[in-house]
Protein backbone atom coordinates (compact mmCIF):
# COMPACT_ATOMS: atom_id res chain seq x y z
CA UNK A 1 108.01 84.20 107.43
CA UNK A 2 109.46 86.45 104.65
CA UNK A 3 108.96 83.91 102.55
CA UNK A 4 105.87 84.80 102.65
CA UNK A 5 105.19 89.07 102.55
CA UNK A 6 109.30 89.63 102.17
CA UNK A 7 112.19 90.93 103.69
CA UNK A 8 111.10 94.36 103.77
CA UNK A 9 108.19 93.99 105.65
CA UNK A 10 109.31 91.67 108.19
CA UNK A 11 112.76 93.82 109.07
CA UNK A 12 110.19 97.24 110.05
CA UNK A 13 108.10 95.16 112.34
CA UNK A 14 111.53 93.50 113.52
CA UNK A 15 113.38 96.47 114.37
CA UNK A 16 110.87 99.18 114.83
CA UNK A 17 108.22 96.90 116.44
CA UNK A 18 105.96 97.87 114.49
CA UNK A 19 102.35 96.47 113.59
CA UNK A 20 102.93 95.54 109.92
CA UNK A 21 100.30 94.01 106.53
CA UNK A 22 101.02 92.75 102.71
CA UNK A 23 99.00 92.75 100.59
CA UNK A 24 98.13 93.75 97.13
CA UNK A 25 95.36 95.69 97.75
CA UNK A 26 96.94 98.58 100.06
CA UNK A 27 93.30 99.58 100.67
CA UNK A 28 92.41 96.64 101.88
CA UNK A 29 95.71 95.74 103.56
CA UNK A 30 94.50 99.23 105.74
CA UNK A 31 91.36 99.03 106.52
CA UNK A 32 93.03 95.55 108.07
CA UNK A 33 95.67 97.20 109.97
CA UNK A 34 93.54 99.76 111.49
CA UNK A 35 91.03 96.66 112.36
CA UNK A 36 92.89 94.97 114.66
CA UNK A 37 95.43 98.63 115.39
CA UNK A 38 93.03 101.15 116.48
CA UNK A 39 94.80 103.26 118.47
CA UNK A 40 96.74 103.76 114.80
CA UNK A 41 96.64 107.69 113.17
CA UNK A 42 99.48 107.38 110.83
CA UNK A 43 100.36 104.29 107.87
CA UNK A 44 103.27 104.67 106.30
CA UNK A 45 102.72 102.78 102.07
CA UNK A 46 106.02 101.50 101.04
CA UNK A 47 104.55 102.49 97.22
CA UNK A 48 101.75 104.62 98.15
CA UNK A 49 102.05 106.81 95.84
CA UNK A 50 101.31 104.48 92.89
CA UNK A 51 97.95 103.19 95.24
CA UNK A 52 95.59 106.00 93.65
CA UNK A 53 92.00 104.61 95.89
CA UNK A 54 94.58 104.71 99.13
CA UNK A 55 92.83 107.60 101.35
CA UNK A 56 96.33 109.66 102.76
CA UNK A 57 96.74 113.23 104.68
CA UNK A 58 100.38 113.94 103.57
CA UNK A 59 102.76 112.37 100.75
CA UNK A 60 106.43 112.00 101.32
CA UNK A 61 108.68 111.13 98.35
CA UNK A 62 112.09 109.80 98.93
CA UNK A 63 115.26 109.88 96.62
CA UNK A 64 118.69 108.82 97.25
CA UNK A 65 121.86 109.64 95.83
CA UNK A 66 120.87 108.81 92.83
CA UNK A 67 117.75 111.33 92.32
CA UNK A 68 114.89 110.53 90.47
CA UNK A 69 115.15 107.24 87.78
CA UNK A 70 117.52 106.91 85.59
CA UNK A 71 115.85 109.65 82.44
CA UNK A 72 114.55 106.34 80.34
CA UNK A 73 110.35 106.31 80.13
CA UNK A 74 108.36 103.14 81.60
CA UNK A 75 108.96 100.48 82.10
CA UNK A 76 112.86 100.08 82.08
CA UNK A 77 113.30 102.47 85.42
CA UNK A 78 115.48 103.51 87.84
CA UNK A 79 119.02 102.47 87.00
């Protein structure tokens, strides 16, 4: 349920029909996803760049019209 895992993972699953895993430990979540769906050959991780222990073959960074942040240092973050 969205109340437990958030609305974004639920929407991705419902709209795209792909398996989704949710967890603080991205490595464990990815491993569980691959155990349950060994046919997968691609995992997209929201905020995966922040999780250095998560192995990767490629990284993609997407910006919206606001560009890169708001000019403030962390922890202020983007507007």
